[in-house]
């Protein structure tokens, strides 16, 4: 179990690092392009990609977001599936309750009639 946990954590961190590097590459590539143009009230606005410590902050935020998404989201999905399964089982029991009560009553009557008095 420990080996599986370690491998999972290593893969998780590898995905976060690769995702962060991909975002860094995309940001550096977009910073060189002149494709993003925003015009507000007739005046053009320039979007600048952060450099230096600003880029480090952006990449740290991206890494934290990826880490949260990759750790919290699977637990939320699993919890939703478990709650749905519990609701399905309870709903089935409620729907079958009259049948189960009648079957239990018949079984009790049959067992009672078989006992010698």
PDB file of N, CA and C in Angstrom:
ATOM      1  N   UNK A   1       0.824  -1.192   0.000  1.00  0.00           N
ATOM      2  CA  UNK A   1       0.000   0.000   0.000  1.00  0.00           C
ATOM      3  C   UNK A   1       0.871   1.261   0.000  1.00  0.00           C
ATOM      4  N   UNK A   2       1.978   1.211   0.720  1.00  0.00           N
ATOM      5  CA  UNK A   2       2.859   2.375   0.760  1.00  0.00           C
ATOM      6  C   UNK A   2       3.482   2.638  -0.599  1.00  0.00           C
ATOM      7  N   UNK A   3       3.789   1.561  -1.323  1.00  0.00           N
ATOM      8  CA  UNK A   3       4.394   1.729  -2.648  1.00  0.00           C
ATOM      9  C   UNK A   3       3.402   2.408  -3.585  1.00  0.00           C
ATOM     10  N   UNK A   4       2.151   1.979  -3.529  1.00  0.00           N
ATOM     11  CA  UNK A   4       1.119   2.583  -4.383  1.00  0.00           C
ATOM     12  C   UNK A   4       0.931   4.051  -4.018  1.00  0.00           C
ATOM     13  N   UNK A   5       0.943   4.352  -2.724  1.00  0.00           N
ATOM     14  CA  UNK A   5       0.786   5.743  -2.289  1.00  0.00           C
ATOM     15  C   UNK A   5       1.960   6.600  -2.749  1.00  0.00           C
ATOM     16  N   UNK A   6       3.162   6.079  -2.630  1.00  0.00           N
ATOM     17  CA  UNK A   6       4.337   6.838  -3.076  1.00  0.00           C
ATOM     18  C   UNK A   6       4.318   7.061  -4.582  1.00  0.00           C
ATOM     19  N   UNK A   7       3.977   6.022  -5.328  1.00  0.00           N
ATOM     20  CA  UNK A   7       3.919   6.164  -6.789  1.00  0.00           C
ATOM     21  C   UNK A   7       2.845   7.175  -7.172  1.00  0.00           C
ATOM     22  N   UNK A   8       1.698   7.133  -6.490  1.00  0.00           N
ATOM     23  CA  UNK A   8       0.627   8.089  -6.780  1.00  0.00           C
ATOM     24  C   UNK A   8       1.067   9.518  -6.487  1.00  0.00           C
ATOM     25  N   UNK A   9       1.742   9.717  -5.359  1.00  0.00           N
ATOM     26  CA  UNK A   9       2.209  11.065  -5.024  1.00  0.00           C
ATOM     27  C   UNK A   9       3.268  11.556  -5.999  1.00  0.00           C
ATOM     28  N   UNK A  10       4.160  10.670  -6.411  1.00  0.00           N
ATOM     29  CA  UNK A  10       5.183  11.056  -7.384  1.00  0.00           C
ATOM     30  C   UNK A  10       4.536  11.429  -8.712  1.00  0.00           C
ATOM     31  N   UNK A  11       3.557  10.634  -9.155  1.00  0.00           N
ATOM     32  CA  UNK A  11       2.858  10.956 -10.406  1.00  0.00           C
ATOM     33  C   UNK A  11       2.096  12.273 -10.286  1.00  0.00           C
ATOM     34  N   UNK A  12       1.474  12.503  -9.138  1.00  0.00           N
ATOM     35  CA  UNK A  12       0.746  13.746  -8.923  1.00  0.00           C
ATOM     36  C   UNK A  12       1.680  14.946  -9.007  1.00  0.00           C
ATOM     37  N   UNK A  13       2.813  14.864  -8.333  1.00  0.00           N
ATOM     38  CA  UNK A  13       3.769  15.971  -8.383  1.00  0.00           C
ATOM     39  C   UNK A  13       4.358  16.142  -9.779  1.00  0.00           C
ATOM     40  N   UNK A  14       4.582  15.040 -10.490  1.00  0.00           N
ATOM     41  CA  UNK A  14       5.086  15.119 -11.860  1.00  0.00           C
ATOM     42  C   UNK A  14       4.082  15.825 -12.767  1.00  0.00           C
ATOM     43  N   UNK A  15       2.802  15.503 -12.607  1.00  0.00           N
ATOM     44  CA  UNK A  15       1.768  16.156 -13.413  1.00  0.00           C
ATOM     45  C   UNK A  15       1.710  17.645 -13.093  1.00  0.00           C
ATOM     46  N   UNK A  16       1.814  18.001 -11.813  1.00  0.00           N
ATOM     47  CA  UNK A  16       1.787  19.417 -11.428  1.00  0.00           C
ATOM     48  C   UNK A  16       2.983  20.155 -12.016  1.00  0.00           C
ATOM     49  N   UNK A  17       4.167  19.555 -11.932  1.00  0.00           N
ATOM     50  CA  UNK A  17       5.368  20.208 -12.470  1.00  0.00           C
ATOM     51  C   UNK A  17       5.264  20.360 -13.982  1.00  0.00           C
ATOM     52  N   UNK A  18       4.835  19.298 -14.671  1.00  0.00           N
ATOM     53  CA  UNK A  18       4.711  19.384 -16.132  1.00  0.00           C
ATOM     54  C   UNK A  18       3.640  20.391 -16.546  1.00  0.00           C
ATOM     55  N   UNK A  19       2.532  20.428 -15.813  1.00  0.00           N
ATOM     56  CA  UNK A  19       1.491  21.412 -16.112  1.00  0.00           C
ATOM     57  C   UNK A  19       1.975  22.833 -15.906  1.00  0.00           C
ATOM     58  N   UNK A  20       2.725  23.047 -14.835  1.00  0.00           N
ATOM     59  CA  UNK A  20       3.276  24.380 -14.576  1.00  0.00           C
ATOM     60  C   UNK A  20       4.273  24.782 -15.649  1.00  0.00           C
ATOM     61  N   UNK A  21       5.118  23.844 -16.056  1.00  0.00           N
ATOM     62  CA  UNK A  21       6.065  24.147 -17.132  1.00  0.00           C
ATOM     63  C   UNK A  21       5.342  24.437 -18.444  1.00  0.00           C
ATOM     64  N   UNK A  22       4.257  23.718 -18.701  1.00  0.00           N
ATOM     65  CA  UNK A  22       3.488  23.979 -19.920  1.00  0.00           C
ATOM     66  C   UNK A  22       2.880  25.379 -19.884  1.00  0.00           C
ATOM     67  N   UNK A  23       2.336  25.761 -18.738  1.00  0.00           N
ATOM     68  CA  UNK A  23       1.769  27.104 -18.617  1.00  0.00           C
ATOM     69  C   UNK A  23       2.859  28.159 -18.757  1.00  0.00           C
ATOM     70  N   UNK A  24       4.043  27.894 -18.191  1.00  0.00           N
ATOM     71  CA  UNK A  24       5.156  28.842 -18.334  1.00  0.00           C
ATOM     72  C   UNK A  24       5.556  28.990 -19.794  1.00  0.00           C
ATOM     73  N   UNK A  25       5.602  27.886 -20.515  1.00  0.00           N
ATOM     74  CA  UNK A  25       5.923  27.952 -21.943  1.00  0.00           C
ATOM     75  C   UNK A  25       4.880  28.712 -22.727  1.00  0.00           C
ATOM     76  N   UNK A  26       3.623  28.467 -22.415  1.00  0.00           N
ATOM     77  CA  UNK A  26       2.547  29.169 -23.120  1.00  0.00           C
ATOM     78  C   UNK A  26       2.598  30.661 -22.815  1.00  0.00           C
ATOM     79  N   UNK A  27       2.832  31.012 -21.542  1.00  0.00           N
ATOM     80  CA  UNK A  27       2.906  32.434 -21.188  1.00  0.00           C
ATOM     81  C   UNK A  27       4.077  33.126 -21.869  1.00  0.00           C
ATOM     82  N   UNK A  28       5.213  32.452 -21.937  1.00  0.00           N
ATOM     83  CA  UNK A  28       6.361  33.087 -22.590  1.00  0.00           C
ATOM     84  C   UNK A  28       6.130  33.207 -24.093  1.00  0.00           C
ATOM     85  N   UNK A  29       5.437  32.245 -24.687  1.00  0.00           N
ATOM     86  CA  UNK A  29       5.156  32.318 -26.124  1.00  0.00           C
ATOM     87  C   UNK A  29       4.126  33.406 -26.418  1.00  0.00           C
ATOM     88  N   UNK A  30       3.080  33.484 -25.579  1.00  0.00           N
ATOM     89  CA  UNK A  30       2.039  34.493 -25.791  1.00  0.00           C
ATOM     90  C   UNK A  30       2.604  35.890 -25.583  1.00  0.00           C
ATOM     91  N   UNK A  31       3.578  36.031 -24.692  1.00  0.00           N
ATOM     92  CA  UNK A  31       4.172  37.340 -24.446  1.00  0.00           C
ATOM     93  C   UNK A  31       4.870  37.904 -25.660  1.00  0.00           C
ATOM     94  N   UNK A  32       5.347  37.038 -26.546  1.00  0.00           N
ATOM     95  CA  UNK A  32       6.036  37.497 -27.750  1.00  0.00           C
ATOM     96  C   UNK A  32       5.074  37.771 -28.902  1.00  0.00           C
ATOM     97  N   UNK A  33       3.852  37.301 -28.812  1.00  0.00           N
ATOM     98  CA  UNK A  33       2.888  37.463 -29.902  1.00  0.00           C
ATOM     99  C   UNK A  33       2.133  38.782 -29.751  1.00  0.00           C
ATOM    100  N   UNK A  34       1.634  39.253 -30.848  1.00  0.00           N
ATOM    101  CA  UNK A  34       0.813  40.463 -30.846  1.00  0.00           C
ATOM    102  C   UNK A  34      -0.619  40.108 -31.230  1.00  0.00           C
ATOM    103  N   UNK A  35      -1.097  38.977 -30.738  1.00  0.00           N
ATOM    104  CA  UNK A  35      -2.417  38.507 -31.151  1.00  0.00           C
ATOM    105  C   UNK A  35      -3.527  38.970 -30.223  1.00  0.00           C
ATOM    106  N   UNK A  36      -3.197  39.334 -29.003  1.00  0.00           N
ATOM    107  CA  UNK A  36      -4.225  39.729 -28.050  1.00  0.00           C
ATOM    108  C   UNK A  36      -4.386  41.235 -28.104  1.00  0.00           C
ATOM    109  N   UNK A  37      -5.562  41.661 -28.505  1.00  0.00           N
ATOM    110  CA  UNK A  37      -5.845  43.094 -28.563  1.00  0.00           C
ATOM    111  C   UNK A  37      -7.188  43.339 -27.887  1.00  0.00           C
ATOM    112  N   UNK A  38      -7.164  44.186 -26.904  1.00  0.00           N
ATOM    113  CA  UNK A  38      -8.386  44.553 -26.199  1.00  0.00           C
ATOM    114  C   UNK A  38      -8.586  46.048 -26.396  1.00  0.00           C
ATOM    115  N   UNK A  39      -9.777  46.402 -26.835  1.00  0.00           N
ATOM    116  CA  UNK A  39     -10.085  47.817 -27.061  1.00  0.00           C
ATOM    117  C   UNK A  39     -11.234  48.190 -26.131  1.00  0.00           C
ATOM    118  N   UNK A  40     -10.973  49.157 -25.255  1.00  0.00           N
ATOM    119  CA  UNK A  40     -11.979  49.629 -24.312  1.00  0.00           C
ATOM    120  C   UNK A  40     -12.184  51.113 -24.576  1.00  0.00           C
ATOM    121  N   UNK A  41     -13.408  51.495 -24.906  1.00  0.00           N
ATOM    122  CA  UNK A  41     -13.751  52.886 -25.208  1.00  0.00           C
ATOM    123  C   UNK A  41     -12.864  53.457 -26.303  1.00  0.00           C
ATOM    124  N   UNK A  42     -12.547  52.649 -27.280  1.00  0.00           N
ATOM    125  CA  UNK A  42     -11.756  53.108 -28.404  1.00  0.00           C
ATOM    126  C   UNK A  42     -10.260  53.155 -28.151  1.00  0.00           C
ATOM    127  N   UNK A  43      -9.818  52.828 -26.954  1.00  0.00           N
ATOM    128  CA  UNK A  43      -8.391  52.846 -26.652  1.00  0.00           C
ATOM    129  C   UNK A  43      -7.879  51.415 -26.518  1.00  0.00           C
ATOM    130  N   UNK A  44      -6.777  51.102 -27.182  1.00  0.00           N
ATOM    131  CA  UNK A  44      -6.232  49.739 -27.067  1.00  0.00           C
ATOM    132  C   UNK A  44      -5.529  49.522 -25.727  1.00  0.00           C
ATOM    133  N   UNK A  45      -5.721  48.357 -25.186  1.00  0.00           N
ATOM    134  CA  UNK A  45      -5.049  47.955 -23.951  1.00  0.00           C
ATOM    135  C   UNK A  45      -4.072  46.854 -24.292  1.00  0.00           C
ATOM    136  N   UNK A  46      -2.913  46.907 -23.721  1.00  0.00           N
ATOM    137  CA  UNK A  46      -1.906  45.877 -23.963  1.00  0.00           C
ATOM    138  C   UNK A  46      -1.858  44.934 -22.764  1.00  0.00           C
ATOM    139  N   UNK A  47      -1.932  43.649 -23.049  1.00  0.00           N
ATOM    140  CA  UNK A  47      -1.778  42.642 -22.002  1.00  0.00           C
ATOM    141  C   UNK A  47      -0.318  42.228 -21.945  1.00  0.00           C
ATOM    142  N   UNK A  48       0.292  42.441 -20.835  1.00  0.00           N
ATOM    143  CA  UNK A  48       1.695  42.063 -20.701  1.00  0.00           C
ATOM    144  C   UNK A  48       1.807  40.825 -19.823  1.00  0.00           C
ATOM    145  N   UNK A  49       2.689  39.958 -20.231  1.00  0.00           N
ATOM    146  CA  UNK A  49       2.961  38.764 -19.441  1.00  0.00           C
ATOM    147  C   UNK A  49       3.960  39.148 -18.361  1.00  0.00           C
ATOM    148  N   UNK A  50       3.695  38.748 -17.126  1.00  0.00           N
ATOM    149  CA  UNK A  50       4.618  39.123 -16.056  1.00  0.00           C
ATOM    150  C   UNK A  50       6.010  38.532 -16.276  1.00  0.00           C
ATOM    151  N   UNK A  51       6.995  39.240 -15.810  1.00  0.00           N
ATOM    152  CA  UNK A  51       8.370  38.753 -15.898  1.00  0.00           C
ATOM    153  C   UNK A  51       8.976  38.783 -14.506  1.00  0.00           C
ATOM    154  N   UNK A  52      10.058  38.085 -14.339  1.00  0.00           N
ATOM    155  CA  UNK A  52      10.763  38.085 -13.056  1.00  0.00           C
ATOM    156  C   UNK A  52       9.930  37.464 -11.957  1.00  0.00           C
ATOM    157  N   UNK A  53       9.828  38.191 -10.824  1.00  0.00           N
ATOM    158  CA  UNK A  53       9.093  37.664  -9.683  1.00  0.00           C
ATOM    159  C   UNK A  53       7.596  37.576  -9.951  1.00  0.00           C
ATOM    160  N   UNK A  54       7.080  38.421 -10.825  1.00  0.00           N
ATOM    161  CA  UNK A  54       5.665  38.326 -11.180  1.00  0.00           C
ATOM    162  C   UNK A  54       5.346  37.010 -11.855  1.00  0.00           C
ATOM    163  N   UNK A  55       6.254  36.567 -12.731  1.00  0.00           N
ATOM    164  CA  UNK A  55       6.069  35.279 -13.396  1.00  0.00           C
ATOM    165  C   UNK A  55       6.168  34.135 -12.390  1.00  0.00           C
ATOM    166  N   UNK A  56       7.061  34.261 -11.425  1.00  0.00           N
ATOM    167  CA  UNK A  56       7.177  33.234 -10.381  1.00  0.00           C
ATOM    168  C   UNK A  56       5.880  33.146  -9.580  1.00  0.00           C
ATOM    169  N   UNK A  57       5.284  34.287  -9.275  1.00  0.00           N
ATOM    170  CA  UNK A  57       4.010  34.291  -8.559  1.00  0.00           C
ATOM    171  C   UNK A  57       2.895  33.646  -9.353  1.00  0.00           C
ATOM    172  N   UNK A  58       2.843  33.968 -10.650  1.00  0.00           N
ATOM    173  CA  UNK A  58       1.822  33.366 -11.511  1.00  0.00           C
ATOM    174  C   UNK A  58       2.014  31.859 -11.590  1.00  0.00           C
ATOM    175  N   UNK A  59       3.249  31.418 -11.758  1.00  0.00           N
ATOM    176  CA  UNK A  59       3.513  29.984 -11.850  1.00  0.00           C
ATOM    177  C   UNK A  59       3.234  29.278 -10.526  1.00  0.00           C
ATOM    178  N   UNK A  60       3.501  29.928  -9.404  1.00  0.00           N
ATOM    179  CA  UNK A  60       3.170  29.335  -8.103  1.00  0.00           C
ATOM    180  C   UNK A  60       1.661  29.198  -7.945  1.00  0.00           C
ATOM    181  N   UNK A  61       0.917  30.196  -8.409  1.00  0.00           N
ATOM    182  CA  UNK A  61      -0.542  30.113  -8.350  1.00  0.00           C
ATOM    183  C   UNK A  61      -1.059  28.994  -9.239  1.00  0.00           C
ATOM    184  N   UNK A  62      -0.470  28.847 -10.426  1.00  0.00           N
ATOM    185  CA  UNK A  62      -0.874  27.762 -11.330  1.00  0.00           C
ATOM    186  C   UNK A  62      -0.561  26.411 -10.700  1.00  0.00           C
ATOM    187  N   UNK A  63       0.623  26.270 -10.105  1.00  0.00           N
ATOM    188  CA  UNK A  63       0.995  25.004  -9.465  1.00  0.00           C
ATOM    189  C   UNK A  63       0.061  24.687  -8.302  1.00  0.00           C
ATOM    190  N   UNK A  64      -0.273  25.688  -7.494  1.00  0.00           N
ATOM    191  CA  UNK A  64      -1.184  25.464  -6.369  1.00  0.00           C
ATOM    192  C   UNK A  64      -2.572  25.074  -6.859  1.00  0.00           C
ATOM    193  N   UNK A  65      -3.034  25.730  -7.922  1.00  0.00           N
ATOM    194  CA  UNK A  65      -4.341  25.398  -8.483  1.00  0.00           C
ATOM    195  C   UNK A  65      -4.365  23.977  -9.017  1.00  0.00           C
ATOM    196  N   UNK A  66      -3.327  23.591  -9.749  1.00  0.00           N
ATOM    197  CA  UNK A  66      -3.265  22.222 -10.261  1.00  0.00           C
ATOM    198  C   UNK A  66      -3.210  21.210  -9.131  1.00  0.00           C
ATOM    199  N   UNK A  67      -2.451  21.496  -8.101  1.00  0.00           N
ATOM    200  CA  UNK A  67      -2.334  20.576  -6.971  1.00  0.00           C
ATOM    201  C   UNK A  67      -3.670  20.418  -6.258  1.00  0.00           C
ATOM    202  N   UNK A  68      -4.374  21.514  -6.066  1.00  0.00           N
ATOM    203  CA  UNK A  68      -5.687  21.441  -5.418  1.00  0.00           C
ATOM    204  C   UNK A  68      -6.670  20.677  -6.291  1.00  0.00           C
ATOM    205  N   UNK A  69      -6.678  20.959  -7.585  1.00  0.00           N
ATOM    206  CA  UNK A  69      -7.598  20.258  -8.478  1.00  0.00           C
ATOM    207  C   UNK A  69      -7.315  18.765  -8.530  1.00  0.00           C
ATOM    208  N   UNK A  70      -6.052  18.396  -8.530  1.00  0.00           N
ATOM    209  CA  UNK A  70      -5.709  16.985  -8.648  1.00  0.00           C
ATOM    210  C   UNK A  70      -5.869  16.227  -7.338  1.00  0.00           C
ATOM    211  N   UNK A  71      -5.934  16.905  -6.210  1.00  0.00           N
ATOM    212  CA  UNK A  71      -6.112  16.200  -4.941  1.00  0.00           C
ATOM    213  C   UNK A  71      -7.540  16.291  -4.424  1.00  0.00           C
ATOM    214  N   UNK A  72      -8.162  17.439  -4.510  1.00  0.00           N
ATOM    215  CA  UNK A  72      -9.491  17.619  -3.941  1.00  0.00           C
ATOM    216  C   UNK A  72     -10.578  17.088  -4.871  1.00  0.00           C
ATOM    217  N   UNK A  73     -10.454  17.325  -6.150  1.00  0.00           N
ATOM    218  CA  UNK A  73     -11.500  16.943  -7.093  1.00  0.00           C
ATOM    219  C   UNK A  73     -11.797  15.443  -7.099  1.00  0.00           C
ATOM    220  N   UNK A  74     -10.798  14.554  -7.096  1.00  0.00           N
ATOM    221  CA  UNK A  74     -11.140  13.124  -7.038  1.00  0.00           C
ATOM    222  C   UNK A  74     -11.899  12.739  -5.770  1.00  0.00           C
ATOM    223  N   UNK A  75     -11.557  13.353  -4.630  1.00  0.00           N
ATOM    224  CA  UNK A  75     -12.277  13.044  -3.398  1.00  0.00           C
ATOM    225  C   UNK A  75     -13.721  13.534  -3.464  1.00  0.00           C
ATOM    226  N   UNK A  76     -13.944  14.676  -4.065  1.00  0.00           N
ATOM    227  CA  UNK A  76     -15.303  15.201  -4.198  1.00  0.00           C
ATOM    228  C   UNK A  76     -16.130  14.298  -5.110  1.00  0.00           C
ATOM    229  N   UNK A  77     -15.539  13.846  -6.202  1.00  0.00           N
ATOM    230  CA  UNK A  77     -16.249  12.944  -7.118  1.00  0.00           C
ATOM    231  C   UNK A  77     -16.553  11.621  -6.424  1.00  0.00           C
ATOM    232  N   UNK A  78     -15.585  11.086  -5.686  1.00  0.00           N
ATOM    233  CA  UNK A  78     -15.798   9.835  -4.961  1.00  0.00           C
ATOM    234  C   UNK A  78     -16.885   9.996  -3.906  1.00  0.00           C
ATOM    235  N   UNK A  79     -16.875  11.111  -3.195  1.00  0.00           N
ATOM    236  CA  UNK A  79     -17.904  11.369  -2.196  1.00  0.00           C
ATOM    237  C   UNK A  79     -19.284  11.475  -2.847  1.00  0.00           C
ATOM    238  N   UNK A  80     -19.360  12.115  -3.995  1.00  0.00           N
ATOM    239  CA  UNK A  80     -20.637  12.221  -4.703  1.00  0.00           C
ATOM    240  C   UNK A  80     -21.133  10.847  -5.138  1.00  0.00           C
ATOM    241  N   UNK A  81     -20.229   9.997  -5.600  1.00  0.00           N
ATOM    242  CA  UNK A  81     -20.634   8.647  -5.999  1.00  0.00           C
ATOM    243  C   UNK A  81     -21.111   7.827  -4.806  1.00  0.00           C
ATOM    244  N   UNK A  82     -20.422   7.938  -3.683  1.00  0.00           N
ATOM    245  CA  UNK A  82     -20.821   7.188  -2.487  1.00  0.00           C
ATOM    246  C   UNK A  82     -22.169   7.669  -1.977  1.00  0.00           C
ATOM    247  N   UNK A  83     -22.373   8.975  -1.938  1.00  0.00           N
ATOM    248  CA  UNK A  83     -23.661   9.508  -1.486  1.00  0.00           C
ATOM    249  C   UNK A  83     -24.775   9.078  -2.440  1.00  0.00           C
ATOM    250  N   UNK A  84     -24.502   9.088  -3.731  1.00  0.00           N
ATOM    251  CA  UNK A  84     -25.496   8.626  -4.696  1.00  0.00           C
ATOM    252  C   UNK A  84     -25.820   7.153  -4.524  1.00  0.00           C
ATOM    253  N   UNK A  85     -24.805   6.346  -4.252  1.00  0.00           N
ATOM    254  CA  UNK A  85     -25.024   4.915  -4.039  1.00  0.00           C
ATOM    255  C   UNK A  85     -25.839   4.672  -2.776  1.00  0.00           C
ATOM    256  N   UNK A  86     -25.527   5.395  -1.707  1.00  0.00           N
ATOM    257  CA  UNK A  86     -26.295   5.249  -0.466  1.00  0.00           C
ATOM    258  C   UNK A  86     -27.749   5.659  -0.690  1.00  0.00           C
ATOM    259  N   UNK A  87     -27.954   6.751  -1.405  1.00  0.00           N
ATOM    260  CA  UNK A  87     -29.317   7.183  -1.708  1.00  0.00           C
ATOM    261  C   UNK A  87     -30.074   6.171  -2.546  1.00  0.00           C
ATOM    262  N   UNK A  88     -29.383   5.544  -3.488  1.00  0.00           N
ATOM    263  CA  UNK A  88     -30.023   4.533  -4.325  1.00  0.00           C
ATOM    264  C   UNK A  88     -30.427   3.319  -3.503  1.00  0.00           C
ATOM    265  N   UNK A  89     -29.538   2.869  -2.625  1.00  0.00           N
ATOM    266  CA  UNK A  89     -29.846   1.703  -1.786  1.00  0.00           C
ATOM    267  C   UNK A  89     -31.006   2.011  -0.846  1.00  0.00           C
ATOM    268  N   UNK A  90     -30.972   3.168  -0.202  1.00  0.00           N
ATOM    269  CA  UNK A  90     -32.065   3.527   0.705  1.00  0.00           C
ATOM    270  C   UNK A  90     -33.386   3.701  -0.042  1.00  0.00           C
ATOM    271  N   UNK A  91     -33.327   4.295  -1.219  1.00  0.00           N
ATOM    272  CA  UNK A  91     -34.543   4.438  -2.023  1.00  0.00           C
ATOM    273  C   UNK A  91     -35.106   3.092  -2.440  1.00  0.00           C
ATOM    274  N   UNK A  92     -34.224   2.164  -2.793  1.00  0.00           N
ATOM    275  CA  UNK A  92     -34.678   0.815  -3.143  1.00  0.00           C
ATOM    276  C   UNK A  92     -35.307   0.107  -1.961  1.00  0.00           C
ATOM    277  N   UNK A  93     -34.719   0.282  -0.778  1.00  0.00           N
ATOM    278  CA  UNK A  93     -35.308  -0.340   0.415  1.00  0.00           C
ATOM    279  C   UNK A  93     -36.671   0.258   0.744  1.00  0.00           C
ATOM    280  N   UNK A  94     -36.800   1.559   0.593  1.00  0.00           N
ATOM    281  CA  UNK A  94     -38.094   2.196   0.847  1.00  0.00           C
ATOM    282  C   UNK A  94     -39.128   1.721  -0.166  1.00  0.00           C
ATOM    283  N   UNK A  95     -38.720   1.581  -1.416  1.00  0.00           N
ATOM    284  CA  UNK A  95     -39.659   1.133  -2.445  1.00  0.00           C
ATOM    285  C   UNK A  95     -40.066  -0.322  -2.234  1.00  0.00           C
ATOM    286  N   UNK A  96     -39.145  -1.138  -1.740  1.00  0.00           N
ATOM    287  CA  UNK A  96     -39.442  -2.559  -1.543  1.00  0.00           C
ATOM    288  C   UNK A  96     -39.933  -2.879  -0.138  1.00  0.00           C
ATOM    289  N   UNK A  97     -40.088  -1.884   0.715  1.00  0.00           N
ATOM    290  CA  UNK A  97     -40.486  -2.123   2.101  1.00  0.00           C
ATOM    291  C   UNK A  97     -41.799  -2.897   2.218  1.00  0.00           C
ATOM    292  N   UNK A  98     -42.857  -2.556   1.476  1.00  0.00           N
ATOM    293  CA  UNK A  98     -44.090  -3.344   1.605  1.00  0.00           C
ATOM    294  C   UNK A  98     -43.889  -4.813   1.213  1.00  0.00           C
ATOM    295  N   UNK A  99     -43.128  -5.044   0.170  1.00  0.00           N
ATOM    296  CA  UNK A  99     -42.876  -6.422  -0.261  1.00  0.00           C
ATOM    297  C   UNK A  99     -42.081  -7.165   0.802  1.00  0.00           C
ATOM    298  N   UNK A 100     -41.078  -6.513   1.371  1.00  0.00           N
ATOM    299  CA  UNK A 100     -40.272  -7.150   2.408  1.00  0.00           C
ATOM    300  C   UNK A 100     -41.089  -7.429   3.665  1.00  0.00           C
ATOM    301  N   UNK A 101     -41.981  -6.531   4.030  1.00  0.00           N
ATOM    302  CA  UNK A 101     -42.830  -6.744   5.207  1.00  0.00           C
ATOM    303  C   UNK A 101     -43.763  -7.922   4.989  1.00  0.00           C
ATOM    304  N   UNK A 102     -44.396  -7.999   3.826  1.00  0.00           N
ATOM    305  CA  UNK A 102     -45.296  -9.118   3.528  1.00  0.00           C
ATOM    306  C   UNK A 102     -44.517 -10.430   3.474  1.00  0.00           C
ATOM    307  N   UNK A 103     -43.344 -10.427   2.850  1.00  0.00           N
ATOM    308  CA  UNK A 103     -42.531 -11.646   2.787  1.00  0.00           C
ATOM    309  C   UNK A 103     -42.105 -12.079   4.187  1.00  0.00           C
ATOM    310  N   UNK A 104     -41.737 -11.152   5.044  1.00  0.00           N
ATOM    311  CA  UNK A 104     -41.371 -11.488   6.424  1.00  0.00           C
ATOM    312  C   UNK A 104     -42.553 -12.037   7.200  1.00  0.00           C
ATOM    313  N   UNK A 105     -43.728 -11.462   6.996  1.00  0.00           N
ATOM    314  CA  UNK A 105     -44.927 -11.952   7.672  1.00  0.00           C
ATOM    315  C   UNK A 105     -45.269 -13.366   7.227  1.00  0.00           C
ATOM    316  N   UNK A 106     -45.186 -13.629   5.919  1.00  0.00           N
ATOM    317  CA  UNK A 106     -45.457 -14.977   5.403  1.00  0.00           C
ATOM    318  C   UNK A 106     -44.446 -15.967   5.962  1.00  0.00           C
ATOM    319  N   UNK A 107     -43.182 -15.582   5.983  1.00  0.00           N
ATOM    320  CA  UNK A 107     -42.153 -16.481   6.512  1.00  0.00           C
ATOM    321  C   UNK A 107     -42.405 -16.776   7.996  1.00  0.00           C
ATOM    322  N   UNK A 108     -42.790 -15.748   8.750  1.00  0.00           N
ATOM    323  CA  UNK A 108     -43.061 -15.932  10.172  1.00  0.00           C
ATOM    324  C   UNK A 108     -44.255 -16.865  10.383  1.00  0.00           C
ATOM    325  N   UNK A 109     -45.318 -16.684   9.574  1.00  0.00           N
ATOM    326  CA  UNK A 109     -46.494 -17.553   9.697  1.00  0.00           C
ATOM    327  C   UNK A 109     -46.162 -18.994   9.334  1.00  0.00           C
ATOM    328  N   UNK A 110     -45.349 -19.193   8.298  1.00  0.00           N
ATOM    329  CA  UNK A 110     -44.969 -20.553   7.898  1.00  0.00           C
ATOM    330  C   UNK A 110     -44.123 -21.192   8.992  1.00  0.00           C
ATOM    331  N   UNK A 111     -43.187 -20.464   9.554  1.00  0.00           N
ATOM    332  CA  UNK A 111     -42.346 -20.999  10.627  1.00  0.00           C
ATOM    333  C   UNK A 111     -43.178 -21.306  11.873  1.00  0.00           C
ATOM    334  N   UNK A 112     -44.170 -20.492  12.138  1.00  0.00           N
ATOM    335  CA  UNK A 112     -45.022 -20.685  13.315  1.00  0.00           C
ATOM    336  C   UNK A 112     -45.913 -21.908  13.151  1.00  0.00           C
ATOM    337  N   UNK A 113     -46.397 -22.133  11.922  1.00  0.00           N
ATOM    338  CA  UNK A 113     -47.275 -23.286  11.704  1.00  0.00           C
ATOM    339  C   UNK A 113     -46.497 -24.596  11.701  1.00  0.00           C
ATOM    340  N   UNK A 114     -45.209 -24.567  11.445  1.00  0.00           N
ATOM    341  CA  UNK A 114     -44.396 -25.786  11.442  1.00  0.00           C
ATOM    342  C   UNK A 114     -44.018 -26.226  12.857  1.00  0.00           C
ATOM    343  N   UNK A 115     -44.041 -25.319  13.804  1.00  0.00           N
ATOM    344  CA  UNK A 115     -43.659 -25.675  15.169  1.00  0.00           C
ATOM    345  C   UNK A 115     -44.761 -26.514  15.816  1.00  0.00           C
ATOM    346  N   UNK A 116     -44.357 -27.626  16.444  1.00  0.00           N
ATOM    347  CA  UNK A 116     -45.389 -28.428  17.136  1.00  0.00           C
ATOM    348  C   UNK A 116     -45.845 -27.717  18.413  1.00  0.00           C
ATOM    349  N   UNK A 117     -47.127 -27.681  18.593  1.00  0.00           N
ATOM    350  CA  UNK A 117     -47.675 -26.989  19.766  1.00  0.00           C
ATOM    351  C   UNK A 117     -47.897 -27.925  20.912  1.00  0.00           C
TER     352      UNK A 117
END
